[in-house]
Amino acid sequence: MARRLTPNPIRRYKDRNALTYRQLARRLGISEDYARKLGAPNGIRTVSASLAMAFERRTRGAIRFLDVMRWVGEVAA
């Protein structure tokens, strides 16, 4: 059985809120370049646990820590 891909929670947040990468970067407290890499369809999938926690805090739960950890493959779905 094929493994289902976990949707990108950062991209989903960006799209739902109609944000530019610059706006996304400001909200998440990261560089615009890193925001672009995280939001790209075939971009990087590297986020530390502490940064994922910060994303949850900075977005007031809209980007959940566990969703990010599942997406990067650190937690089993």
C-alpha atoms as a PDB file:
ATOM      1  CA  MET A   1       0.000   0.000   0.000  1.00  0.00           C
ATOM      2  CA  ALA A   2       1.372   3.417  -0.941  1.00  0.00           C
ATOM      3  CA  ARG A   3       2.234   5.806   1.825  1.00  0.00           C
ATOM      4  CA  ARG A   4       0.088   8.927   1.892  1.00  0.00           C
ATOM      5  CA  LEU A   5       1.958  12.184   1.874  1.00  0.00           C
ATOM      6  CA  THR A   6       1.263  14.516   4.751  1.00  0.00           C
ATOM      7  CA  PRO A   7       0.082  17.910   3.449  1.00  0.00           C
ATOM      8  CA  ASN A   8       2.400  20.859   3.945  1.00  0.00           C
ATOM      9  CA  PRO A   9       0.899  22.774   6.913  1.00  0.00           C
ATOM     10  CA  ILE A  10       2.961  25.878   6.187  1.00  0.00           C
ATOM     11  CA  ARG A  11       1.812  26.071   2.572  1.00  0.00           C
ATOM     12  CA  ARG A  12      -1.773  25.402   3.666  1.00  0.00           C
ATOM     13  CA  TYR A  13      -1.586  28.304   6.162  1.00  0.00           C
ATOM     14  CA  LYS A  14      -0.095  30.617   3.523  1.00  0.00           C
ATOM     15  CA  ASP A  15      -2.797  29.757   0.994  1.00  0.00           C
ATOM     16  CA  ARG A  16      -5.708  29.964   3.463  1.00  0.00           C
ATOM     17  CA  ASN A  17      -4.640  33.416   4.561  1.00  0.00           C
ATOM     18  CA  ALA A  18      -3.647  34.625   1.068  1.00  0.00           C
ATOM     19  CA  LEU A  19      -0.201  35.619   2.301  1.00  0.00           C
ATOM     20  CA  THR A  20       2.874  36.538   0.318  1.00  0.00           C
ATOM     21  CA  TYR A  21       6.105  34.835   1.321  1.00  0.00           C
ATOM     22  CA  ARG A  22       7.234  38.097   2.885  1.00  0.00           C
ATOM     23  CA  GLN A  23       4.098  38.248   5.050  1.00  0.00           C
ATOM     24  CA  LEU A  24       4.425  34.561   5.934  1.00  0.00           C
ATOM     25  CA  ALA A  25       8.044  35.070   6.964  1.00  0.00           C
ATOM     26  CA  ARG A  26       7.119  37.972   9.233  1.00  0.00           C
ATOM     27  CA  ARG A  27       4.330  35.996  10.906  1.00  0.00           C
ATOM     28  CA  LEU A  28       6.550  32.972  11.464  1.00  0.00           C
ATOM     29  CA  GLY A  29       9.655  34.916  12.458  1.00  0.00           C
ATOM     30  CA  ILE A  30      11.841  33.426   9.719  1.00  0.00           C
ATOM     31  CA  SER A  31      13.612  34.766   6.644  1.00  0.00           C
ATOM     32  CA  GLU A  32      11.703  35.231   3.428  1.00  0.00           C
ATOM     33  CA  ASP A  33      14.076  32.812   1.704  1.00  0.00           C
ATOM     34  CA  TYR A  34      13.380  30.076   4.293  1.00  0.00           C
ATOM     35  CA  ALA A  35       9.631  30.728   4.001  1.00  0.00           C
ATOM     36  CA  ARG A  36       9.865  30.243   0.222  1.00  0.00           C
ATOM     37  CA  LYS A  37      11.787  27.004   0.648  1.00  0.00           C
ATOM     38  CA  LEU A  38       9.264  25.664   3.163  1.00  0.00           C
ATOM     39  CA  GLY A  39       6.299  26.649   0.996  1.00  0.00           C
ATOM     40  CA  ALA A  40       7.582  25.296  -2.302  1.00  0.00           C
ATOM     41  CA  PRO A  41       6.006  22.046  -3.554  1.00  0.00           C
ATOM     42  CA  ASN A  42       9.398  20.305  -3.734  1.00  0.00           C
ATOM     43  CA  GLY A  43      11.137  22.534  -1.219  1.00  0.00           C
ATOM     44  CA  ILE A  44      12.954  21.654   1.943  1.00  0.00           C
ATOM     45  CA  ARG A  45      11.250  19.754   4.741  1.00  0.00           C
ATOM     46  CA  THR A  46      13.568  20.633   7.599  1.00  0.00           C
ATOM     47  CA  VAL A  47      12.063  22.232  10.689  1.00  0.00           C
ATOM     48  CA  SER A  48      13.361  21.757  14.218  1.00  0.00           C
ATOM     49  CA  ALA A  49      10.956  20.898  17.014  1.00  0.00           C
ATOM     50  CA  SER A  50      11.618  24.233  18.720  1.00  0.00           C
ATOM     51  CA  LEU A  51      10.852  26.141  15.513  1.00  0.00           C
ATOM     52  CA  ALA A  52       7.677  24.101  14.964  1.00  0.00           C
ATOM     53  CA  MET A  53       6.594  25.055  18.492  1.00  0.00           C
ATOM     54  CA  ALA A  54       7.326  28.694  17.682  1.00  0.00           C
ATOM     55  CA  PHE A  55       5.176  28.443  14.529  1.00  0.00           C
ATOM     56  CA  GLU A  56       2.272  27.138  16.598  1.00  0.00           C
ATOM     57  CA  ARG A  57       2.702  29.925  19.132  1.00  0.00           C
ATOM     58  CA  ARG A  58       3.122  32.698  16.538  1.00  0.00           C
ATOM     59  CA  THR A  59       0.074  31.569  14.545  1.00  0.00           C
ATOM     60  CA  ARG A  60      -2.022  30.952  17.673  1.00  0.00           C
ATOM     61  CA  GLY A  61      -2.452  27.299  16.783  1.00  0.00           C
ATOM     62  CA  ALA A  62      -3.265  27.706  13.086  1.00  0.00           C
ATOM     63  CA  ILE A  63      -0.057  25.804  12.275  1.00  0.00           C
ATOM     64  CA  ARG A  64       0.042  22.936  14.745  1.00  0.00           C
ATOM     65  CA  PHE A  65       3.314  21.548  16.081  1.00  0.00           C
ATOM     66  CA  LEU A  66       2.287  17.936  15.422  1.00  0.00           C
ATOM     67  CA  ASP A  67       1.227  18.721  11.854  1.00  0.00           C
ATOM     68  CA  VAL A  68       4.656  20.199  11.139  1.00  0.00           C
ATOM     69  CA  MET A  69       6.433  17.253  12.780  1.00  0.00           C
ATOM     70  CA  ARG A  70       4.369  14.769  10.767  1.00  0.00           C
ATOM     71  CA  TRP A  71       5.084  16.700   7.590  1.00  0.00           C
ATOM     72  CA  VAL A  72       8.852  16.636   8.142  1.00  0.00           C
ATOM     73  CA  GLY A  73       8.661  12.958   9.093  1.00  0.00           C
ATOM     74  CA  GLU A  74       9.638  13.246  12.746  1.00  0.00           C
ATOM     75  CA  VAL A  75       6.368  11.808  14.090  1.00  0.00           C
ATOM     76  CA  ALA A  76       4.416   8.869  12.741  1.00  0.00           C
ATOM     77  CA  ALA A  77       1.009   9.757  11.331  1.00  0.00           C
END
